[in-house]
Amino acid sequence: MDEMQDLLNEVTEKLKTCEKERQRLVDTNKLLVEQIECSEFGSLGAVNVLVEKLQAKDREIIQLRSQVIGLAQLPR
């Protein structure tokens, strides 16, 4: 039982970390978009890389949330 609780706590912490990382990526992406819009010659490559990272982080968050739900539903 304690092992399941430990695993649930671990996955929950990973989820919190992923959500914080995702928010940092979103903020950085917004800054890049603003900089590109303010300049004539913006680099969309950096934005595309961040978009890919955001998509990957979204997928990771979805997986972690599913794990948390699954672990929370197990009998204790």
Protein backbone atom coordinates (compact mmCIF):
# COMPACT_ATOMS: atom_id res chain seq x y z
CA MET A 1 0.00 0.00 0.00
CA ASP A 2 2.77 2.43 0.92
CA GLU A 3 4.48 1.66 -2.40
CA MET A 4 1.37 2.73 -4.30
CA GLN A 5 1.12 5.94 -2.28
CA ASP A 6 4.81 6.64 -2.92
CA LEU A 7 4.30 6.05 -6.63
CA LEU A 8 1.24 8.30 -6.66
CA ASN A 9 3.22 11.03 -4.88
CA GLU A 10 6.11 10.65 -7.33
CA VAL A 11 3.87 10.87 -10.39
CA THR A 12 2.01 13.83 -8.90
CA GLU A 13 5.31 15.67 -8.36
CA LYS A 14 6.36 14.90 -11.95
CA LEU A 15 3.06 16.29 -13.15
CA LYS A 16 3.55 19.51 -11.18
CA THR A 17 7.07 19.86 -12.58
CA CYS A 18 5.86 19.26 -16.14
CA GLU A 19 3.10 21.83 -15.76
CA LYS A 20 5.62 24.41 -14.49
CA GLU A 21 7.99 23.63 -17.38
CA ARG A 22 5.12 23.95 -19.82
CA GLN A 23 4.19 27.36 -18.43
CA ARG A 24 7.80 28.53 -18.81
CA LEU A 25 7.74 27.36 -22.43
CA VAL A 26 4.45 29.18 -23.04
CA ASP A 27 5.88 32.38 -21.57
CA THR A 28 9.05 32.09 -23.65
CA ASN A 29 6.99 31.42 -26.75
CA LYS A 30 4.92 34.55 -26.14
CA LEU A 31 8.07 36.64 -25.76
CA LEU A 32 9.52 35.28 -28.99
CA VAL A 33 6.31 35.93 -30.89
CA GLU A 34 6.24 39.51 -29.59
CA GLN A 35 9.88 40.03 -30.59
CA ILE A 36 9.26 38.62 -34.06
CA GLU A 37 6.20 40.80 -34.54
CA CYS A 38 8.25 43.87 -33.58
CA SER A 39 11.07 43.17 -36.02
CA GLU A 40 11.12 42.92 -39.79
CA PHE A 41 13.31 39.85 -39.82
CA GLY A 42 12.12 37.41 -37.20
CA SER A 43 13.25 33.84 -36.94
CA LEU A 44 10.32 31.48 -36.97
CA GLY A 45 12.68 28.56 -36.36
CA ALA A 46 12.89 29.33 -32.65
CA VAL A 47 9.11 29.58 -32.42
CA ASN A 48 8.68 26.26 -34.21
CA VAL A 49 11.11 24.58 -31.82
CA LEU A 50 9.18 25.94 -28.84
CA VAL A 51 5.87 24.86 -30.34
CA GLU A 52 7.23 21.32 -30.70
CA LYS A 53 8.47 21.38 -27.10
CA LEU A 54 5.06 22.60 -25.92
CA GLN A 55 3.32 19.82 -27.81
CA ALA A 56 5.67 17.24 -26.30
CA LYS A 57 5.10 18.69 -22.82
CA ASP A 58 1.32 18.59 -23.36
CA ARG A 59 1.56 14.90 -24.27
CA GLU A 60 3.69 14.20 -21.20
CA ILE A 61 1.22 16.02 -18.94
CA ILE A 62 -1.68 14.01 -20.39
CA GLN A 63 0.18 10.76 -19.71
CA LEU A 64 1.05 11.79 -16.17
CA ARG A 65 -2.51 12.86 -15.43
CA SER A 66 -3.74 9.48 -16.66
CA GLN A 67 -1.21 7.77 -14.40
CA VAL A 68 -2.30 9.83 -11.40
CA ILE A 69 -5.96 9.01 -12.05
CA GLY A 70 -5.16 5.32 -12.46
CA LEU A 71 -3.08 5.20 -9.30
CA ALA A 72 -5.65 7.14 -7.29
CA GLN A 73 -8.35 4.63 -8.25
CA LEU A 74 -6.39 1.59 -7.03
CA PRO A 75 -7.52 0.11 -3.73
CA ARG A 76 -5.38 1.24 -0.81
